[in-house]
C-alpha atoms as a PDB file:
ATOM      1  CA  MET A   1       0.000   0.000   0.000  1.00  0.00           C
ATOM      2  CA  TYR A   2       2.807   2.340   0.940  1.00  0.00           C
ATOM      3  CA  ASN A   3       4.628   1.589  -2.307  1.00  0.00           C
ATOM      4  CA  ILE A   4       1.535   2.468  -4.397  1.00  0.00           C
ATOM      5  CA  PHE A   5       1.158   5.768  -2.530  1.00  0.00           C
ATOM      6  CA  LEU A   6       4.862   6.543  -3.043  1.00  0.00           C
ATOM      7  CA  MET A   7       4.658   5.835  -6.779  1.00  0.00           C
ATOM      8  CA  LYS A   8       1.633   8.151  -7.171  1.00  0.00           C
ATOM      9  CA  LEU A   9       3.424  10.887  -5.221  1.00  0.00           C
ATOM     10  CA  ILE A  10       6.522  10.584  -7.401  1.00  0.00           C
ATOM     11  CA  SER A  11       4.331  10.785 -10.532  1.00  0.00           C
ATOM     12  CA  ILE A  12       2.590  13.940  -9.282  1.00  0.00           C
ATOM     13  CA  ILE A  13       5.922  15.578  -8.391  1.00  0.00           C
ATOM     14  CA  SER A  14       7.350  14.662 -11.822  1.00  0.00           C
ATOM     15  CA  ILE A  15       4.388  16.233 -13.620  1.00  0.00           C
ATOM     16  CA  CYS A  16       4.665  19.406 -11.524  1.00  0.00           C
ATOM     17  CA  LEU A  17       8.393  19.688 -12.250  1.00  0.00           C
ATOM     18  CA  LEU A  18       7.759  19.157 -15.972  1.00  0.00           C
ATOM     19  CA  LEU A  19       5.088  21.853 -16.047  1.00  0.00           C
ATOM     20  CA  SER A  20       7.352  24.238 -14.132  1.00  0.00           C
ATOM     21  CA  PHE A  21      10.188  23.582 -16.583  1.00  0.00           C
ATOM     22  CA  TYR A  22       7.894  24.297 -19.534  1.00  0.00           C
ATOM     23  CA  SER A  23       6.619  27.484 -17.927  1.00  0.00           C
ATOM     24  CA  LEU A  24      10.132  28.759 -17.266  1.00  0.00           C
ATOM     25  CA  TYR A  25      11.942  27.724 -20.429  1.00  0.00           C
ATOM     26  CA  CYS A  26       9.416  26.910 -23.174  1.00  0.00           C
ATOM     27  CA  GLN A  27       6.917  29.744 -22.894  1.00  0.00           C
ATOM     28  CA  THR A  28       6.742  31.844 -26.061  1.00  0.00           C
ATOM     29  CA  ASP A  29       5.497  35.348 -26.673  1.00  0.00           C
ATOM     30  CA  PRO A  30       2.044  35.817 -28.197  1.00  0.00           C
ATOM     31  CA  PRO A  31       2.188  35.559 -31.993  1.00  0.00           C
ATOM     32  CA  CYS A  32       3.077  38.600 -34.096  1.00  0.00           C
ATOM     33  CA  THR A  33       4.277  40.739 -31.154  1.00  0.00           C
ATOM     34  CA  ALA A  34       7.922  41.080 -32.255  1.00  0.00           C
ATOM     35  CA  TYR A  35       8.646  44.703 -33.117  1.00  0.00           C
ATOM     36  CA  GLN A  36       9.766  43.593 -36.601  1.00  0.00           C
ATOM     37  CA  SER A  37       6.183  42.499 -37.266  1.00  0.00           C
ATOM     38  CA  HIS A  38       5.364  46.173 -37.776  1.00  0.00           C
ATOM     39  CA  ASP A  39       7.997  46.830 -40.469  1.00  0.00           C
ATOM     40  CA  PHE A  40       5.306  46.959 -43.170  1.00  0.00           C
ATOM     41  CA  ASP A  41       2.692  48.895 -41.184  1.00  0.00           C
ATOM     42  CA  TYR A  42       3.381  52.122 -43.078  1.00  0.00           C
ATOM     43  CA  MET A  43       1.805  50.450 -46.126  1.00  0.00           C
ATOM     44  CA  LEU A  44      -1.666  50.156 -44.589  1.00  0.00           C
ATOM     45  CA  GLY A  45      -4.285  51.907 -46.722  1.00  0.00           C
ATOM     46  CA  GLU A  46      -4.985  52.655 -50.373  1.00  0.00           C
ATOM     47  CA  TRP A  47      -2.365  53.556 -52.973  1.00  0.00           C
ATOM     48  CA  GLN A  48      -2.158  54.741 -56.548  1.00  0.00           C
ATOM     49  CA  ILE A  49       0.883  53.372 -58.359  1.00  0.00           C
ATOM     50  CA  LYS A  50       2.912  54.684 -61.273  1.00  0.00           C
ATOM     51  CA  ILE A  51       4.834  51.856 -62.945  1.00  0.00           C
ATOM     52  CA  ASN A  52       7.975  52.743 -64.890  1.00  0.00           C
ATOM     53  CA  ASP A  53       6.225  56.086 -65.537  1.00  0.00           C
ATOM     54  CA  THR A  54       4.073  54.387 -68.202  1.00  0.00           C
ATOM     55  CA  SER A  55       1.004  52.821 -66.548  1.00  0.00           C
ATOM     56  CA  THR A  56      -1.160  53.154 -63.447  1.00  0.00           C
ATOM     57  CA  ALA A  57      -2.203  50.565 -60.887  1.00  0.00           C
ATOM     58  CA  TYR A  58      -4.013  50.545 -57.555  1.00  0.00           C
ATOM     59  CA  SER A  59      -3.318  48.722 -54.341  1.00  0.00           C
ATOM     60  CA  VAL A  60      -4.875  48.164 -50.922  1.00  0.00           C
ATOM     61  CA  PHE A  61      -2.892  46.910 -47.916  1.00  0.00           C
ATOM     62  CA  LYS A  62      -4.673  45.332 -44.949  1.00  0.00           C
ATOM     63  CA  LYS A  63      -3.641  43.311 -41.924  1.00  0.00           C
ATOM     64  CA  GLU A  64      -5.351  39.945 -41.476  1.00  0.00           C
ATOM     65  CA  PHE A  65      -5.261  36.839 -39.268  1.00  0.00           C
ATOM     66  CA  GLY A  66      -4.886  38.684 -35.988  1.00  0.00           C
ATOM     67  CA  ASN A  67      -2.605  41.309 -37.535  1.00  0.00           C
ATOM     68  CA  CYS A  68      -0.070  38.582 -38.377  1.00  0.00           C
ATOM     69  CA  ILE A  69      -0.346  38.900 -42.172  1.00  0.00           C
ATOM     70  CA  MET A  70       0.154  42.055 -44.249  1.00  0.00           C
ATOM     71  CA  LYS A  71      -1.918  41.472 -47.394  1.00  0.00           C
ATOM     72  CA  GLU A  72      -1.728  43.512 -50.596  1.00  0.00           C
ATOM     73  CA  ASN A  73      -4.410  43.354 -53.295  1.00  0.00           C
ATOM     74  CA  TYR A  74      -2.955  44.893 -56.452  1.00  0.00           C
ATOM     75  CA  LYS A  75      -4.826  45.756 -59.659  1.00  0.00           C
ATOM     76  CA  GLU A  76      -3.579  47.071 -62.987  1.00  0.00           C
ATOM     77  CA  PRO A  77      -6.859  47.644 -64.870  1.00  0.00           C
ATOM     78  CA  VAL A  78      -5.492  48.427 -68.333  1.00  0.00           C
ATOM     79  CA  LYS A  79      -3.672  45.090 -68.458  1.00  0.00           C
ATOM     80  CA  ASN A  80      -6.390  43.167 -66.557  1.00  0.00           C
ATOM     81  CA  TYR A  81      -3.649  42.192 -64.115  1.00  0.00           C
ATOM     82  CA  LEU A  82      -4.311  41.124 -60.511  1.00  0.00           C
ATOM     83  CA  ARG A  83      -1.770  40.203 -57.845  1.00  0.00           C
ATOM     84  CA  THR A  84      -1.983  39.312 -54.178  1.00  0.00           C
ATOM     85  CA  SER A  85       0.937  39.363 -51.748  1.00  0.00           C
ATOM     86  CA  GLU A  86       0.944  38.062 -48.185  1.00  0.00           C
ATOM     87  CA  ALA A  87       3.854  38.933 -45.889  1.00  0.00           C
ATOM     88  CA  SER A  88       4.565  37.691 -42.378  1.00  0.00           C
ATOM     89  CA  TYR A  89       7.535  37.948 -40.020  1.00  0.00           C
ATOM     90  CA  ASN A  90       9.099  34.644 -38.910  1.00  0.00           C
ATOM     91  CA  PRO A  91      10.557  35.239 -35.419  1.00  0.00           C
ATOM     92  CA  ILE A  92      12.460  31.953 -35.454  1.00  0.00           C
ATOM     93  CA  LYS A  93      14.288  32.730 -38.698  1.00  0.00           C
ATOM     94  CA  GLN A  94      14.175  36.456 -37.876  1.00  0.00           C
ATOM     95  CA  LYS A  95      13.216  37.129 -41.474  1.00  0.00           C
ATOM     96  CA  TRP A  96      10.244  38.292 -43.485  1.00  0.00           C
ATOM     97  CA  GLU A  97       8.548  35.770 -45.762  1.00  0.00           C
ATOM     98  CA  LEU A  98       6.433  37.204 -48.580  1.00  0.00           C
ATOM     99  CA  VAL A  99       4.333  35.030 -50.894  1.00  0.00           C
ATOM    100  CA  THR A 100       3.060  36.639 -54.093  1.00  0.00           C
ATOM    101  CA  TYR A 101       0.776  35.150 -56.763  1.00  0.00           C
ATOM    102  CA  ASP A 102      -1.176  36.594 -59.704  1.00  0.00           C
ATOM    103  CA  ASN A 103      -3.811  35.869 -62.345  1.00  0.00           C
ATOM    104  CA  LYS A 104      -1.093  34.949 -64.875  1.00  0.00           C
ATOM    105  CA  GLY A 105      -0.037  31.884 -62.905  1.00  0.00           C
ATOM    106  CA  GLU A 106       3.166  33.367 -61.441  1.00  0.00           C
ATOM    107  CA  TYR A 107       4.099  32.459 -57.870  1.00  0.00           C
ATOM    108  CA  TYR A 108       7.103  33.537 -55.787  1.00  0.00           C
ATOM    109  CA  ILE A 109       8.317  33.231 -52.210  1.00  0.00           C
ATOM    110  CA  PHE A 110      10.557  36.130 -51.150  1.00  0.00           C
ATOM    111  CA  ILE A 111      12.606  36.027 -47.951  1.00  0.00           C
ATOM    112  CA  GLY A 112      14.536  38.909 -46.434  1.00  0.00           C
ATOM    113  CA  VAL A 113      15.004  41.531 -43.737  1.00  0.00           C
ATOM    114  CA  LYS A 114      14.843  45.226 -43.070  1.00  0.00           C
ATOM    115  CA  LYS A 115      18.173  46.910 -43.842  1.00  0.00           C
ATOM    116  CA  GLY A 116      18.319  50.429 -42.492  1.00  0.00           C
ATOM    117  CA  LYS A 117      15.168  52.120 -43.760  1.00  0.00           C
ATOM    118  CA  ASN A 118      14.720  49.699 -46.672  1.00  0.00           C
ATOM    119  CA  ILE A 119      13.142  46.236 -46.769  1.00  0.00           C
ATOM    120  CA  GLU A 120      15.059  43.837 -49.032  1.00  0.00           C
ATOM    121  CA  LEU A 121      13.851  40.350 -49.964  1.00  0.00           C
ATOM    122  CA  GLU A 122      15.102  37.734 -52.424  1.00  0.00           C
ATOM    123  CA  ALA A 123      13.638  34.827 -54.382  1.00  0.00           C
ATOM    124  CA  ASP A 124      14.719  32.518 -57.181  1.00  0.00           C
ATOM    125  CA  LYS A 125      12.918  30.856 -60.070  1.00  0.00           C
ATOM    126  CA  ILE A 126      13.621  27.968 -62.413  1.00  0.00           C
ATOM    127  CA  LEU A 127      12.777  28.904 -66.014  1.00  0.00           C
ATOM    128  CA  PRO A 128      11.246  26.367 -68.474  1.00  0.00           C
ATOM    129  CA  ASN A 129      14.720  25.890 -70.012  1.00  0.00           C
ATOM    130  CA  GLY A 130      16.070  24.814 -66.620  1.00  0.00           C
ATOM    131  CA  LYS A 131      18.021  27.998 -65.964  1.00  0.00           C
ATOM    132  CA  LYS A 132      17.765  29.595 -62.520  1.00  0.00           C
ATOM    133  CA  ILE A 133      17.302  33.342 -62.158  1.00  0.00           C
ATOM    134  CA  PHE A 134      17.384  35.417 -58.984  1.00  0.00           C
ATOM    135  CA  LEU A 135      15.082  38.247 -57.959  1.00  0.00           C
ATOM    136  CA  GLN A 136      15.230  41.067 -55.444  1.00  0.00           C
ATOM    137  CA  LEU A 137      12.179  42.866 -54.082  1.00  0.00           C
ATOM    138  CA  ILE A 138      13.133  46.175 -52.479  1.00  0.00           C
ATOM    139  CA  TYR A 139      10.954  48.724 -50.687  1.00  0.00           C
ATOM    140  CA  SER A 140      12.754  52.061 -50.368  1.00  0.00           C
ATOM    141  CA  ASN A 141      12.326  55.848 -50.109  1.00  0.00           C
ATOM    142  CA  ILE A 142       9.733  55.141 -47.429  1.00  0.00           C
ATOM    143  CA  LEU A 143       7.751  58.204 -46.341  1.00  0.00           C
ATOM    144  CA  GLU A 144       4.344  58.657 -44.731  1.00  0.00           C
ATOM    145  CA  ASN A 145       2.506  59.017 -48.035  1.00  0.00           C
ATOM    146  CA  SER A 146       4.830  57.427 -50.591  1.00  0.00           C
ATOM    147  CA  PHE A 147       7.373  54.673 -51.159  1.00  0.00           C
ATOM    148  CA  VAL A 148       9.135  52.893 -54.022  1.00  0.00           C
ATOM    149  CA  ARG A 149       8.866  49.193 -54.844  1.00  0.00           C
ATOM    150  CA  GLU A 150      11.600  47.866 -57.107  1.00  0.00           C
ATOM    151  CA  ILE A 151      12.116  44.410 -58.607  1.00  0.00           C
ATOM    152  CA  LYS A 152      15.619  43.492 -59.744  1.00  0.00           C
ATOM    153  CA  VAL A 153      16.726  40.407 -61.680  1.00  0.00           C
ATOM    154  CA  ALA A 154      20.055  38.575 -61.891  1.00  0.00           C
ATOM    155  CA  LEU A 155      20.553  35.979 -64.623  1.00  0.00           C
ATOM    156  CA  ASP A 156      23.236  33.905 -62.902  1.00  0.00           C
ATOM    157  CA  SER A 157      24.631  33.003 -59.490  1.00  0.00           C
ATOM    158  CA  ASN A 158      26.980  36.002 -59.520  1.00  0.00           C
ATOM    159  CA  LYS A 159      23.866  37.975 -58.654  1.00  0.00           C
ATOM    160  CA  VAL A 160      24.554  41.110 -60.611  1.00  0.00           C
ATOM    161  CA  PHE A 161      21.083  42.594 -60.263  1.00  0.00           C
ATOM    162  CA  ARG A 162      19.493  44.922 -62.797  1.00  0.00           C
ATOM    163  CA  THR A 163      16.229  46.819 -62.346  1.00  0.00           C
ATOM    164  CA  PHE A 164      13.347  45.035 -64.070  1.00  0.00           C
ATOM    165  CA  ASP A 165      10.344  46.911 -62.663  1.00  0.00           C
ATOM    166  CA  LYS A 166      10.024  50.093 -60.617  1.00  0.00           C
ATOM    167  CA  ALA A 167       6.790  51.399 -59.099  1.00  0.00           C
ATOM    168  CA  ASN A 168       6.088  54.591 -57.190  1.00  0.00           C
ATOM    169  CA  TYR A 169       3.321  54.261 -54.596  1.00  0.00           C
ATOM    170  CA  ILE A 170       1.366  57.420 -53.696  1.00  0.00           C
ATOM    171  CA  ARG A 171      -1.178  57.262 -50.887  1.00  0.00           C
ATOM    172  CA  MET A 172      -4.735  57.934 -52.049  1.00  0.00           C
ATOM    173  CA  LYS A 173      -6.788  60.492 -50.185  1.00  0.00           C
ATOM    174  CA  THR A 174     -10.302  59.352 -49.336  1.00  0.00           C
ATOM    175  CA  SER A 175     -12.817  62.157 -49.100  1.00  0.00           C
ATOM    176  CA  GLU A 176     -15.614  62.232 -46.535  1.00  0.00           C
ATOM    177  CA  ILE A 177     -19.079  60.939 -47.348  1.00  0.00           C
ATOM    178  CA  ASN A 178     -21.315  63.700 -48.674  1.00  0.00           C
ATOM    179  CA  GLY A 179     -25.097  63.882 -48.490  1.00  0.00           C
ATOM    180  CA  LYS A 180     -25.853  62.835 -52.071  1.00  0.00           C
ATOM    181  CA  LYS A 181     -28.278  59.985 -52.698  1.00  0.00           C
ATOM    182  CA  ILE A 182     -29.776  58.262 -55.704  1.00  0.00           C
ATOM    183  CA  TYR A 183     -33.419  57.390 -55.059  1.00  0.00           C
ATOM    184  CA  LYS A 184     -35.606  55.344 -57.419  1.00  0.00           C
ATOM    185  CA  GLU A 185     -38.950  53.619 -56.993  1.00  0.00           C
ATOM    186  CA  ILE A 186     -41.195  51.501 -59.170  1.00  0.00           C
ATOM    187  CA  LEU A 187     -44.455  49.593 -58.828  1.00  0.00           C
ATOM    188  CA  VAL A 188     -44.075  45.870 -59.568  1.00  0.00           C
ATOM    189  CA  ASN A 189     -46.932  43.425 -60.195  1.00  0.00           C
ATOM    190  CA  ALA A 190     -45.684  40.831 -57.708  1.00  0.00           C
ATOM    191  CA  SER A 191     -45.800  40.133 -53.987  1.00  0.00           C
ATOM    192  CA  ALA A 192     -43.068  41.319 -51.611  1.00  0.00           C
ATOM    193  CA  PRO A 193     -41.811  37.737 -50.962  1.00  0.00           C
ATOM    194  CA  GLU A 194     -41.507  37.135 -54.712  1.00  0.00           C
ATOM    195  CA  ILE A 195     -39.497  40.335 -55.201  1.00  0.00           C
ATOM    196  CA  TYR A 196     -37.340  39.619 -52.145  1.00  0.00           C
ATOM    197  CA  GLU A 197     -36.439  36.285 -53.758  1.00  0.00           C
ATOM    198  CA  ARG A 198     -35.472  38.156 -56.936  1.00  0.00           C
ATOM    199  CA  TRP A 199     -32.843  40.170 -55.025  1.00  0.00           C
ATOM    200  CA  THR A 200     -31.513  37.495 -52.676  1.00  0.00           C
ATOM    201  CA  GLN A 201     -31.345  34.208 -54.623  1.00  0.00           C
ATOM    202  CA  LYS A 202     -29.290  33.303 -57.688  1.00  0.00           C
ATOM    203  CA  SER A 203     -32.386  31.961 -59.424  1.00  0.00           C
ATOM    204  CA  GLY A 204     -34.062  35.322 -58.838  1.00  0.00           C
ATOM    205  CA  ILE A 205     -31.184  37.665 -59.690  1.00  0.00           C
ATOM    206  CA  LEU A 206     -30.541  36.025 -63.065  1.00  0.00           C
ATOM    207  CA  LYS A 207     -34.141  36.600 -64.100  1.00  0.00           C
ATOM    208  CA  PHE A 208     -33.582  40.339 -64.386  1.00  0.00           C
ATOM    209  CA  MET A 209     -29.863  41.231 -64.322  1.00  0.00           C
ATOM    210  CA  GLY A 210     -26.400  39.742 -64.622  1.00  0.00           C
ATOM    211  CA  GLU A 211     -24.883  36.651 -66.227  1.00  0.00           C
ATOM    212  CA  ASP A 212     -23.966  34.952 -62.958  1.00  0.00           C
ATOM    213  CA  CYS A 213     -23.744  35.767 -59.257  1.00  0.00           C
ATOM    214  CA  TYR A 214     -22.428  34.631 -55.883  1.00  0.00           C
ATOM    215  CA  ILE A 215     -24.649  35.569 -52.940  1.00  0.00           C
ATOM    216  CA  ILE A 216     -24.731  34.317 -49.354  1.00  0.00           C
ATOM    217  CA  MET A 217     -27.493  35.995 -47.379  1.00  0.00           C
ATOM    218  CA  GLU A 218     -25.774  36.663 -44.085  1.00  0.00           C
ATOM    219  CA  PRO A 219     -24.187  39.870 -42.754  1.00  0.00           C
ATOM    220  CA  GLY A 220     -20.758  40.120 -44.356  1.00  0.00           C
ATOM    221  CA  GLY A 221     -21.577  37.438 -46.914  1.00  0.00           C
ATOM    222  CA  PRO A 222     -20.725  38.052 -50.592  1.00  0.00           C
ATOM    223  CA  TYR A 223     -23.169  39.982 -52.746  1.00  0.00           C
ATOM    224  CA  GLU A 224     -21.461  39.671 -56.108  1.00  0.00           C
ATOM    225  CA  ILE A 225     -23.310  40.016 -59.416  1.00  0.00           C
ATOM    226  CA  TYR A 226     -21.299  39.359 -62.578  1.00  0.00           C
ATOM    227  CA  PHE A 227     -22.338  41.294 -65.666  1.00  0.00           C
ATOM    228  CA  ASP A 228     -19.598  40.186 -68.082  1.00  0.00           C
ATOM    229  CA  MET A 229     -18.200  36.681 -67.525  1.00  0.00           C
ATOM    230  CA  LYS A 230     -15.762  37.108 -70.426  1.00  0.00           C
ATOM    231  CA  GLN A 231     -13.684  39.482 -68.296  1.00  0.00           C
ATOM    232  CA  PRO A 232     -10.999  38.286 -65.845  1.00  0.00           C
ATOM    233  CA  LEU A 233     -11.995  37.716 -62.234  1.00  0.00           C
ATOM    234  CA  GLY A 234     -12.062  41.101 -60.533  1.00  0.00           C
ATOM    235  CA  PHE A 235     -13.454  42.894 -63.581  1.00  0.00           C
ATOM    236  CA  ARG A 236     -16.758  41.062 -64.059  1.00  0.00           C
ATOM    237  CA  GLY A 237     -19.077  43.012 -61.784  1.00  0.00           C
ATOM    238  CA  SER A 238     -19.550  43.626 -58.087  1.00  0.00           C
ATOM    239  CA  GLU A 239     -16.662  41.467 -56.804  1.00  0.00           C
ATOM    240  CA  GLY A 240     -15.857  42.274 -53.192  1.00  0.00           C
ATOM    241  CA  CYS A 241     -19.313  43.630 -52.352  1.00  0.00           C
ATOM    242  CA  THR A 242     -21.071  42.221 -49.297  1.00  0.00           C
ATOM    243  CA  VAL A 243     -24.436  41.911 -47.593  1.00  0.00           C
ATOM    244  CA  LEU A 244     -24.883  44.570 -44.899  1.00  0.00           C
ATOM    245  CA  SER A 245     -28.352  43.784 -43.502  1.00  0.00           C
ATOM    246  CA  PHE A 246     -31.741  42.356 -44.390  1.00  0.00           C
ATOM    247  CA  ILE A 247     -35.273  41.820 -43.100  1.00  0.00           C
ATOM    248  CA  GLU A 248     -36.926  38.961 -44.939  1.00  0.00           C
ATOM    249  CA  ASN A 249     -39.526  40.120 -47.471  1.00  0.00           C
ATOM    250  CA  LYS A 250     -39.070  43.766 -46.408  1.00  0.00           C
ATOM    251  CA  MET A 251     -35.555  45.090 -47.136  1.00  0.00           C
ATOM    252  CA  LEU A 252     -31.924  44.349 -47.830  1.00  0.00           C
ATOM    253  CA  SER A 253     -28.755  46.435 -48.034  1.00  0.00           C
ATOM    254  CA  PHE A 254     -25.372  45.717 -49.589  1.00  0.00           C
ATOM    255  CA  THR A 255     -22.136  47.472 -50.484  1.00  0.00           C
ATOM    256  CA  TRP A 256     -21.700  48.392 -54.134  1.00  0.00           C
ATOM    257  CA  ASN A 257     -18.647  49.231 -56.210  1.00  0.00           C
ATOM    258  CA  ALA A 258     -18.099  51.098 -59.469  1.00  0.00           C
ATOM    259  CA  PRO A 259     -17.767  49.547 -62.951  1.00  0.00           C
ATOM    260  CA  PRO A 260     -14.176  48.745 -64.086  1.00  0.00           C
ATOM    261  CA  GLN A 261     -13.964  51.841 -66.295  1.00  0.00           C
ATOM    262  CA  PHE A 262     -13.976  53.974 -63.124  1.00  0.00           C
ATOM    263  CA  ALA A 263     -10.789  52.481 -61.698  1.00  0.00           C
ATOM    264  CA  ASN A 264     -10.096  55.026 -58.943  1.00  0.00           C
ATOM    265  CA  VAL A 265     -13.513  54.614 -57.325  1.00  0.00           C
ATOM    266  CA  ARG A 266     -13.718  50.872 -57.969  1.00  0.00           C
ATOM    267  CA  ASN A 267     -10.368  50.256 -56.286  1.00  0.00           C
ATOM    268  CA  ALA A 268     -10.958  52.604 -53.365  1.00  0.00           C
ATOM    269  CA  ASP A 269     -11.312  50.810 -50.055  1.00  0.00           C
ATOM    270  CA  ALA A 270     -14.378  52.955 -49.268  1.00  0.00           C
ATOM    271  CA  LYS A 271     -17.540  51.717 -50.963  1.00  0.00           C
ATOM    272  CA  ALA A 272     -21.007  53.177 -51.366  1.00  0.00           C
ATOM    273  CA  TRP A 273     -24.025  51.053 -50.459  1.00  0.00           C
ATOM    274  CA  VAL A 274     -27.530  50.298 -51.681  1.00  0.00           C
ATOM    275  CA  VAL A 275     -30.752  49.849 -49.691  1.00  0.00           C
ATOM    276  CA  VAL A 276     -33.726  48.102 -51.323  1.00  0.00           C
ATOM    277  CA  GLU A 277     -37.063  48.451 -49.512  1.00  0.00           C
ATOM    278  CA  LEU A 278     -40.275  46.578 -50.340  1.00  0.00           C
ATOM    279  CA  GLU A 279     -43.584  48.291 -49.536  1.00  0.00           C
ATOM    280  CA  LYS A 280     -46.608  46.015 -49.821  1.00  0.00           C
ATOM    281  CA  ILE A 281     -49.500  47.597 -51.711  1.00  0.00           C
ATOM    282  CA  ASP A 282     -51.597  44.423 -51.790  1.00  0.00           C
ATOM    283  CA  ASP A 283     -50.983  40.692 -52.276  1.00  0.00           C
ATOM    284  CA  THR A 284     -49.948  41.129 -55.921  1.00  0.00           C
ATOM    285  CA  HIS A 285     -48.466  44.637 -56.029  1.00  0.00           C
ATOM    286  CA  THR A 286     -45.327  45.989 -54.326  1.00  0.00           C
ATOM    287  CA  LYS A 287     -43.553  49.318 -54.449  1.00  0.00           C
ATOM    288  CA  VAL A 288     -39.791  48.808 -54.725  1.00  0.00           C
ATOM    289  CA  LYS A 289     -37.736  51.691 -53.328  1.00  0.00           C
ATOM    290  CA  LEU A 290     -33.990  51.818 -53.997  1.00  0.00           C
ATOM    291  CA  THR A 291     -31.511  54.217 -52.358  1.00  0.00           C
ATOM    292  CA  HIS A 292     -27.843  54.347 -53.361  1.00  0.00           C
ATOM    293  CA  THR A 293     -25.808  56.374 -50.846  1.00  0.00           C
ATOM    294  CA  GLY A 294     -22.327  56.689 -49.347  1.00  0.00           C
ATOM    295  CA  TRP A 295     -21.114  59.009 -52.120  1.00  0.00           C
ATOM    296  CA  ARG A 296     -17.922  61.035 -51.861  1.00  0.00           C
ATOM    297  CA  ASP A 297     -16.587  64.179 -53.509  1.00  0.00           C
ATOM    298  CA  GLY A 298     -14.361  64.026 -56.565  1.00  0.00           C
ATOM    299  CA  GLU A 299     -14.610  64.164 -60.351  1.00  0.00           C
ATOM    300  CA  GLU A 300     -14.694  60.388 -60.830  1.00  0.00           C
ATOM    301  CA  TRP A 301     -17.166  59.907 -57.955  1.00  0.00           C
ATOM    302  CA  ASN A 302     -19.441  62.380 -59.788  1.00  0.00           C
ATOM    303  CA  GLN A 303     -19.095  60.337 -62.987  1.00  0.00           C
ATOM    304  CA  VAL A 304     -20.027  57.133 -61.153  1.00  0.00           C
ATOM    305  CA  TYR A 305     -23.025  58.918 -59.592  1.00  0.00           C
ATOM    306  CA  ALA A 306     -24.264  59.966 -63.051  1.00  0.00           C
ATOM    307  CA  TYR A 307     -23.728  56.415 -64.344  1.00  0.00           C
ATOM    308  CA  PHE A 308     -25.828  54.799 -61.613  1.00  0.00           C
ATOM    309  CA  ASP A 309     -28.484  57.511 -61.720  1.00  0.00           C
ATOM    310  CA  LYS A 310     -29.328  56.084 -65.157  1.00  0.00           C
ATOM    311  CA  ALA A 311     -28.409  52.456 -64.465  1.00  0.00           C
ATOM    312  CA  TRP A 312     -30.717  51.937 -61.485  1.00  0.00           C
ATOM    313  CA  THR A 313     -33.685  53.222 -63.497  1.00  0.00           C
ATOM    314  CA  LYS A 314     -32.959  50.557 -66.090  1.00  0.00           C
ATOM    315  CA  VAL A 315     -32.430  47.828 -63.452  1.00  0.00           C
ATOM    316  CA  LEU A 316     -35.808  48.529 -61.830  1.00  0.00           C
ATOM    317  CA  GLU A 317     -37.466  48.426 -65.240  1.00  0.00           C
ATOM    318  CA  TRP A 318     -35.839  45.022 -65.852  1.00  0.00           C
ATOM    319  CA  LEU A 319     -37.174  43.892 -62.473  1.00  0.00           C
ATOM    320  CA  ARG A 320     -40.708  45.068 -63.293  1.00  0.00           C
ATOM    321  CA  ASP A 321     -40.599  43.452 -66.744  1.00  0.00           C
ATOM    322  CA  SER A 322     -39.371  40.118 -65.355  1.00  0.00           C
ATOM    323  CA  TYR A 323     -42.922  39.372 -64.117  1.00  0.00           C
END
C-alpha cells in the first residue's frame, strides 16, 4: 500500500516539475508581437501606383489573421492584371517571408530583412529551359505618403542585379461621405416575398440582371453580381461587395462598387451602399424603393453617380418586366 502511494506521489511531483520547466523555459510570446512584425505597417491603406512612368495601378494593404499577415491586393486595370501578396515575419528565422501570386499563374516566395530604412527580400525561379534566375524585391524611399517598390533580376549566381520593374506608390486620399443619394422607386406586379427572392437568390437575380452571381445571405456574406463573364476575375461586376443587412420580405442592403472603367472609385477601399425596400401595396403589387448612398466628392465619384443615376432606373425596369 505504501509503495503504491509513493509511486503516485513521485508521478505527481514529476508532472509538476515538468510543467514548471515548460513554464520557465518553453513559454513563447504571443504571436506577431515582435517589433519587426510592424515593419510593413506604413503600407496600410490605399495607394495609386505609377509603374515605370508608363502605366497606373491601384493597391490596398490590410492586416489579417490577428494582424499577423500584411496582405496587398494589387490591380492594374489596363492590363487586366491582378496580384496578391501576403507577408509575415518569422521570429524563429528572424526574417520576413512574402508570398506573391497573380492571375497569370506566377508564384514567388521572397525572404529577407529590413536593412536600415529599406526592406530587401530575395527569391529565385527555375525557367522552363532549366536555368535559374534570382530576384530582389526592395521597398525604399519610405515616407508617410509614398514609397518605391523595385524588382531586380540577376541571370546567374553572380547575382549582378538589374532593375526590371520600378513602381512609385502614392497614398490615395479618401474624401468624406457627402449627403448625395440616388433614389428610385417603381411599382411591380408581384408580392413582396416574390421580389425579395429576386434580389436574394441566384435563381431570382438572373431573371432580371447579370450573367452569374455569388450571394450568401448573411451579414458580411458576398453579394457579387457578374455582368460580363468574359472578363478576368475582378473585372466582371460587383466582386468584393457584401451583404450589410436584411429583413426577410421587407428590405436588404449591400455594399456596391463602381464599374471597371472607373478604376479610382472601384479600387478605393471605401464603398457606397444600396438599400432596397419593399412596400406592400396588396398581395400582388409591391412598391420597390432603392436608395444608393455613401457618395464622396471628386470628379470620378461624380461620374459614377451619373452612371448609376441612369443604371438603377434601367435595373428597376428590368425587375418590373421580369414578371
